[in-house]
Amino acid sequence: MKSPLVSTEWLHDHLNDHNLVIIQATISKIIGKEPLIYSDPVHIPNAFKVDIEDDLSDLTSDVVHAFPSEQQFNALSQRLGICRDHTIVIYDDQGIYAAPRIWWIFKSFGVENVFILDGGLPKWLKENKPTTTEYRAMPEIPSAVNFSFNSQNVCSLELVKQNILTKQFIIVDARAAERFSGLVPEPRPGIRSGHIPNAINLPFGQVIDDICYKSPETLSDIFDVISHDKFRPLSFSCGSGVTGCIILVAAIIAGRSNVSLYDGSWSEWGSIPTLPVEL
């Protein structure tokens, strides 16, 4: 799999390409890191706004931030005017936070040429690259392209339950060590503390240097500790499927391709009292 990242230099050089679509990924609440706060609106020019909760979560599901339905995803991609020959770059205003989740959703619906801006808006601003105060308006003529969901990219609750016995894949949890070990309460009410049995903890901050991903070599060393077998399936989890995508992308950068997301993550597992929990 080719690198999921593009640099700020690359985006700046291609800012006016006719087939480029830029998306700013947004989410209402930042968990697990100190959020960057902006006093005034600031965006990369020509960026559409796509919100994880409002635009790309199945609000009919009981699962927090559940993957969108195929119909929901296609409705959004058509409103954005996305066609198969477009190159899509996704960024967020925290550096690396919400963008990997939207990237994985796009990849899971078969969008091939989609990338994450490494360093996001903070790096763009540090380099004094051009900005605007307005998002791009939706095109007047939508696209008619339909994308199909690849269910192999998302791991279900049933598969995770079976995996406790079969151990066919490794669950890697992106939450902070204190949450993983049950030393602090979960931020969402009604969710137990602890982790899925046999899961391995990799807090998402460990794969990032400030606002950018660590180097492929460093990330490869991190994932070698989890498993020396580069083909061993890995399924990523967190609180609600957002920061799990940060370490999922890190695994891909490190050369791991057999990856999936446990979309329900701990907000689903920890809310079901009959499921086993480790501390």
Protein backbone atom coordinates (compact mmCIF):
# COMPACT_ATOMS: atom_id res chain seq x y z
CA MET A 1 0.00 0.00 0.00
CA LYS A 2 1.39 3.42 -0.92
CA SER A 3 1.99 5.99 1.78
CA PRO A 4 -1.22 7.47 3.17
CA LEU A 5 0.53 10.81 3.73
CA VAL A 6 1.30 13.89 1.68
CA SER A 7 3.44 16.79 2.85
CA THR A 8 2.48 20.43 3.18
CA GLU A 9 4.98 21.15 0.39
CA TRP A 10 3.21 18.73 -1.93
CA LEU A 11 -0.21 20.20 -1.18
CA HIS A 12 1.03 23.75 -1.64
CA ASP A 13 2.51 22.83 -5.04
CA HIS A 14 -0.76 21.19 -6.16
CA LEU A 15 -3.22 23.60 -4.55
CA ASN A 16 -4.71 24.66 -7.88
CA ASP A 17 -4.90 21.22 -9.53
CA HIS A 18 -8.32 20.81 -11.14
CA ASN A 19 -8.78 17.26 -9.82
CA LEU A 20 -7.78 18.03 -6.20
CA VAL A 21 -10.36 17.85 -3.41
CA ILE A 22 -9.33 19.16 0.02
CA ILE A 23 -11.30 18.20 3.12
CA GLN A 24 -10.95 19.59 6.63
CA ALA A 25 -11.94 16.86 9.07
CA THR A 26 -13.68 18.17 12.17
CA ILE A 27 -14.92 16.67 15.42
CA SER A 28 -16.58 18.42 18.34
CA LYS A 29 -14.55 16.97 21.22
CA ILE A 30 -10.85 16.15 21.49
CA ILE A 31 -10.06 13.31 23.92
CA GLY A 32 -6.59 12.14 24.89
CA LYS A 33 -4.65 15.31 24.12
CA GLU A 34 -4.71 19.01 24.88
CA PRO A 35 -6.74 20.54 22.03
CA LEU A 36 -5.38 23.34 19.90
CA ILE A 37 -7.77 26.29 20.08
CA TYR A 38 -8.16 28.84 17.29
CA SER A 39 -9.46 32.32 18.08
CA ASP A 40 -10.59 32.96 14.50
CA PRO A 41 -11.70 30.75 11.59
CA VAL A 42 -8.73 29.64 9.48
CA HIS A 43 -8.66 27.00 6.74
CA ILE A 44 -6.57 25.83 3.83
CA PRO A 45 -7.94 27.43 0.63
CA ASN A 46 -10.70 25.48 -1.19
CA ALA A 47 -11.26 23.06 1.69
CA PHE A 48 -14.65 21.47 2.24
CA LYS A 49 -15.72 20.86 5.83
CA VAL A 50 -16.59 17.25 6.72
CA ASP A 51 -17.56 16.52 10.32
CA ILE A 52 -17.12 13.02 11.73
CA GLU A 53 -20.26 13.20 13.85
CA ASP A 54 -22.61 15.12 11.56
CA ASP A 55 -21.53 13.81 8.16
CA LEU A 56 -19.83 10.45 8.56
CA SER A 57 -21.43 8.68 11.53
CA ASP A 58 -24.47 6.43 11.34
CA LEU A 59 -26.74 8.30 13.75
CA THR A 60 -29.26 5.44 13.69
CA SER A 61 -26.72 3.17 15.42
CA ASP A 62 -26.26 2.78 19.17
CA VAL A 63 -22.49 2.70 18.59
CA VAL A 64 -20.70 6.03 19.14
CA HIS A 65 -19.24 7.33 15.84
CA ALA A 66 -20.50 4.25 13.99
CA PHE A 67 -19.30 3.85 10.39
CA PRO A 68 -21.68 5.49 7.92
CA SER A 69 -23.92 3.38 5.74
CA GLU A 70 -23.07 3.01 2.06
CA GLN A 71 -26.04 5.23 1.21
CA GLN A 72 -24.87 7.89 3.66
CA PHE A 73 -21.30 7.86 2.38
CA ASN A 74 -22.36 8.07 -1.26
CA ALA A 75 -24.74 10.93 -0.51
CA LEU A 76 -21.85 12.89 1.00
CA SER A 77 -19.29 12.03 -1.68
CA GLN A 78 -21.78 13.01 -4.38
CA ARG A 79 -22.51 16.34 -2.66
CA LEU A 80 -18.76 16.94 -2.61
CA GLY A 81 -18.63 16.17 -6.33
CA ILE A 82 -16.09 13.38 -5.84
CA CYS A 83 -15.21 11.26 -8.87
CA ARG A 84 -12.82 8.33 -9.18
CA ASP A 85 -10.08 10.39 -10.81
CA HIS A 86 -9.96 12.94 -7.99
CA THR A 87 -7.07 13.18 -5.57
CA ILE A 88 -8.39 13.83 -2.07
CA VAL A 89 -6.34 15.32 0.76
CA ILE A 90 -7.75 15.30 4.28
CA TYR A 91 -6.40 17.41 7.13
CA ASP A 92 -7.48 18.57 10.56
CA ASP A 93 -6.68 21.50 12.81
CA GLN A 94 -5.00 19.40 15.51
CA GLY A 95 -2.15 18.15 13.34
CA ILE A 96 -3.11 14.48 13.39
CA TYR A 97 -6.41 13.64 15.07
CA ALA A 98 -9.67 13.45 13.09
CA ALA A 99 -8.22 13.13 9.59
CA PRO A 100 -7.14 9.45 9.89
CA ARG A 101 -10.69 8.42 10.77
CA ILE A 102 -12.15 10.08 7.67
CA TRP A 103 -9.26 8.71 5.58
CA TRP A 104 -10.06 5.15 6.69
CA ILE A 105 -13.76 5.66 5.95
CA PHE A 106 -12.92 6.85 2.43
CA LYS A 107 -10.53 3.93 1.90
CA SER A 108 -13.15 1.50 3.21
CA PHE A 109 -15.60 2.71 0.58
CA GLY A 110 -13.11 2.13 -2.22
CA VAL A 111 -11.78 5.67 -2.72
CA GLU A 112 -8.21 5.03 -3.87
CA ASN A 113 -6.47 8.39 -4.25
CA VAL A 114 -7.03 9.73 -0.77
CA PHE A 115 -4.30 11.04 1.54
CA ILE A 116 -3.72 12.66 4.93
CA LEU A 117 -1.87 15.96 5.20
CA ASP A 118 0.96 15.19 7.61
CA GLY A 119 1.03 17.91 10.25
CA GLY A 120 -2.33 19.26 9.15
CA LEU A 121 -3.31 22.87 9.64
CA PRO A 122 -0.76 23.58 12.44
CA LYS A 123 2.18 22.73 10.16
CA TRP A 124 0.59 24.67 7.29
CA LEU A 125 0.31 27.74 9.51
CA LYS A 126 3.85 27.40 10.87
CA GLU A 127 5.11 27.53 7.30
CA ASN A 128 3.07 30.67 6.56
CA LYS A 129 1.24 29.04 3.70
CA PRO A 130 -1.95 30.67 2.34
CA THR A 131 -5.18 30.47 4.31
CA THR A 132 -8.78 31.59 4.12
CA THR A 133 -11.58 32.21 6.62
CA GLU A 134 -14.24 30.42 4.58
CA TYR A 135 -14.89 26.81 3.67
CA ARG A 136 -15.48 25.93 0.03
CA ALA A 137 -19.15 25.79 -0.95
CA MET A 138 -20.59 22.52 -2.18
CA PRO A 139 -20.53 22.29 -6.01
CA GLU A 140 -23.75 23.12 -7.82
CA ILE A 141 -23.62 19.87 -9.79
CA PRO A 142 -23.07 16.76 -7.64
CA SER A 143 -21.27 13.69 -8.89
CA ALA A 144 -23.13 10.48 -9.74
CA VAL A 145 -20.42 8.07 -8.61
CA ASN A 146 -21.34 5.28 -6.21
CA PHE A 147 -18.71 3.66 -4.00
CA SER A 148 -18.98 0.23 -2.37
CA PHE A 149 -18.16 -0.66 1.22
CA ASN A 150 -15.37 -3.14 1.93
CA SER A 151 -16.54 -4.82 5.14
CA GLN A 152 -13.11 -6.42 5.69
CA ASN A 153 -11.80 -3.04 6.81
CA VAL A 154 -14.08 -3.02 9.85
CA CYS A 155 -14.11 -5.62 12.60
CA SER A 156 -17.42 -6.46 14.28
CA LEU A 157 -18.20 -7.10 17.93
CA GLU A 158 -18.78 -10.80 17.16
CA LEU A 159 -15.36 -11.18 15.55
CA VAL A 160 -13.68 -9.57 18.54
CA LYS A 161 -15.56 -11.88 20.91
CA GLN A 162 -14.48 -14.94 18.90
CA ASN A 163 -10.90 -13.68 18.77
CA ILE A 164 -10.52 -13.97 22.54
CA LEU A 165 -10.41 -17.75 22.00
CA THR A 166 -9.11 -18.04 18.42
CA LYS A 167 -6.44 -15.28 18.67
CA GLN A 168 -6.50 -14.86 14.91
CA PHE A 169 -5.58 -11.19 15.19
CA ILE A 170 -4.14 -8.77 17.70
CA ILE A 171 -6.29 -6.01 19.16
CA VAL A 172 -4.26 -2.80 19.54
CA ASP A 173 -5.86 -0.16 21.77
CA ALA A 174 -4.98 3.52 21.24
CA ARG A 175 -6.28 4.84 24.56
CA ALA A 176 -4.00 6.27 27.23
CA ALA A 177 -2.31 3.70 29.47
CA GLU A 178 -4.33 4.79 32.52
CA ARG A 179 -7.62 4.15 30.73
CA PHE A 180 -6.39 0.88 29.25
CA SER A 181 -5.36 -0.37 32.73
CA GLY A 182 -8.58 0.81 34.38
CA LEU A 183 -6.77 3.26 36.65
CA VAL A 184 -9.03 6.17 35.69
CA PRO A 185 -12.74 6.26 34.83
CA GLU A 186 -13.84 6.39 31.21
CA PRO A 187 -14.86 9.85 29.92
CA ARG A 188 -18.21 8.52 28.72
CA PRO A 189 -20.80 7.68 31.40
CA GLY A 190 -21.89 4.07 31.80
CA ILE A 191 -18.70 2.62 30.31
CA ARG A 192 -16.64 0.22 32.43
CA SER A 193 -12.90 0.66 32.90
CA GLY A 194 -10.26 -1.70 31.55
CA HIS A 195 -9.63 -3.32 28.17
CA ILE A 196 -10.54 -6.22 25.90
CA PRO A 197 -8.79 -9.45 26.98
CA ASN A 198 -5.44 -10.01 25.23
CA ALA A 199 -5.40 -6.46 23.79
CA ILE A 200 -2.11 -4.57 23.54
CA ASN A 201 -1.88 -0.90 24.46
CA LEU A 202 -0.34 1.62 22.05
CA PRO A 203 -1.42 5.14 23.09
CA PHE A 204 -1.86 7.19 19.93
CA GLY A 205 0.57 9.87 21.13
CA GLN A 206 3.40 7.36 20.81
CA VAL A 207 3.17 7.29 17.00
CA ILE A 208 3.24 11.08 16.61
CA ASP A 209 6.00 13.66 17.07
CA ASP A 210 4.01 16.72 18.15
CA ILE A 211 1.82 17.26 15.06
CA CYS A 212 3.31 14.83 12.51
CA TYR A 213 3.66 11.09 12.25
CA LYS A 214 6.97 9.60 13.30
CA SER A 215 9.23 8.22 10.58
CA PRO A 216 8.42 4.89 8.89
CA GLU A 217 11.56 3.40 10.47
CA THR A 218 10.55 4.46 13.99
CA LEU A 219 7.00 3.23 13.48
CA SER A 220 8.28 -0.08 12.13
CA ASP A 221 10.27 -0.56 15.35
CA ILE A 222 7.16 0.21 17.42
CA PHE A 223 5.06 -2.37 15.58
CA ASP A 224 7.83 -4.96 15.67
CA VAL A 225 7.41 -4.92 19.45
CA ILE A 226 3.74 -5.81 19.00
CA SER A 227 4.48 -8.52 16.43
CA HIS A 228 7.57 -9.36 14.38
CA ASP A 229 5.26 -11.01 11.87
CA LYS A 230 4.51 -8.18 9.45
CA PHE A 231 1.57 -10.15 8.03
CA ARG A 232 -0.11 -10.80 11.39
CA PRO A 233 -3.60 -9.26 11.29
CA LEU A 234 -4.01 -6.22 13.52
CA SER A 235 -7.34 -4.70 14.52
CA PHE A 236 -7.34 -1.27 16.09
CA SER A 237 -9.51 0.03 18.88
CA CYS A 238 -9.81 3.09 21.11
CA GLY A 239 -12.69 4.84 22.86
CA SER A 240 -15.01 5.31 19.87
CA GLY A 241 -13.06 4.48 16.72
CA VAL A 242 -11.38 7.85 16.12
CA THR A 243 -7.89 7.67 17.65
CA GLY A 244 -7.72 3.98 16.77
CA CYS A 245 -7.46 5.17 13.17
CA ILE A 246 -4.39 7.24 14.09
CA ILE A 247 -2.45 4.11 15.04
CA LEU A 248 -4.02 2.13 12.17
CA VAL A 249 -2.52 4.64 9.74
CA ALA A 250 0.78 4.45 11.65
CA ALA A 251 0.77 0.68 11.08
CA ILE A 252 0.28 1.22 7.35
CA ILE A 253 3.15 3.74 7.29
CA ALA A 254 5.23 1.07 9.06
CA GLY A 255 4.51 -1.39 6.26
CA ARG A 256 1.66 -3.36 7.83
CA SER A 257 -1.19 -3.98 5.41
CA ASN A 258 -3.35 -6.58 7.18
CA VAL A 259 -5.25 -4.06 9.29
CA SER A 260 -8.82 -3.38 10.33
CA LEU A 261 -10.72 -1.16 12.76
CA TYR A 262 -12.90 -2.43 15.58
CA ASP A 263 -15.42 0.31 14.98
CA GLY A 264 -17.42 -0.12 18.19
CA SER A 265 -14.22 0.08 20.22
CA TRP A 266 -14.32 0.44 23.99
CA SER A 267 -17.51 2.52 24.04
CA GLU A 268 -19.30 -0.58 22.72
CA TRP A 269 -17.37 -3.33 24.52
CA GLY A 270 -17.24 -1.53 27.86
CA SER A 271 -20.98 -0.83 27.82
CA ILE A 272 -21.99 -4.52 27.63
CA PRO A 273 -21.81 -5.95 31.17
CA THR A 274 -21.66 -9.59 30.03
CA LEU A 275 -18.41 -9.14 28.09
CA PRO A 276 -15.09 -9.92 29.81
CA VAL A 277 -12.75 -7.13 30.84
CA GLU A 278 -9.09 -7.12 31.79
CA LEU A 279 -7.39 -4.49 33.96
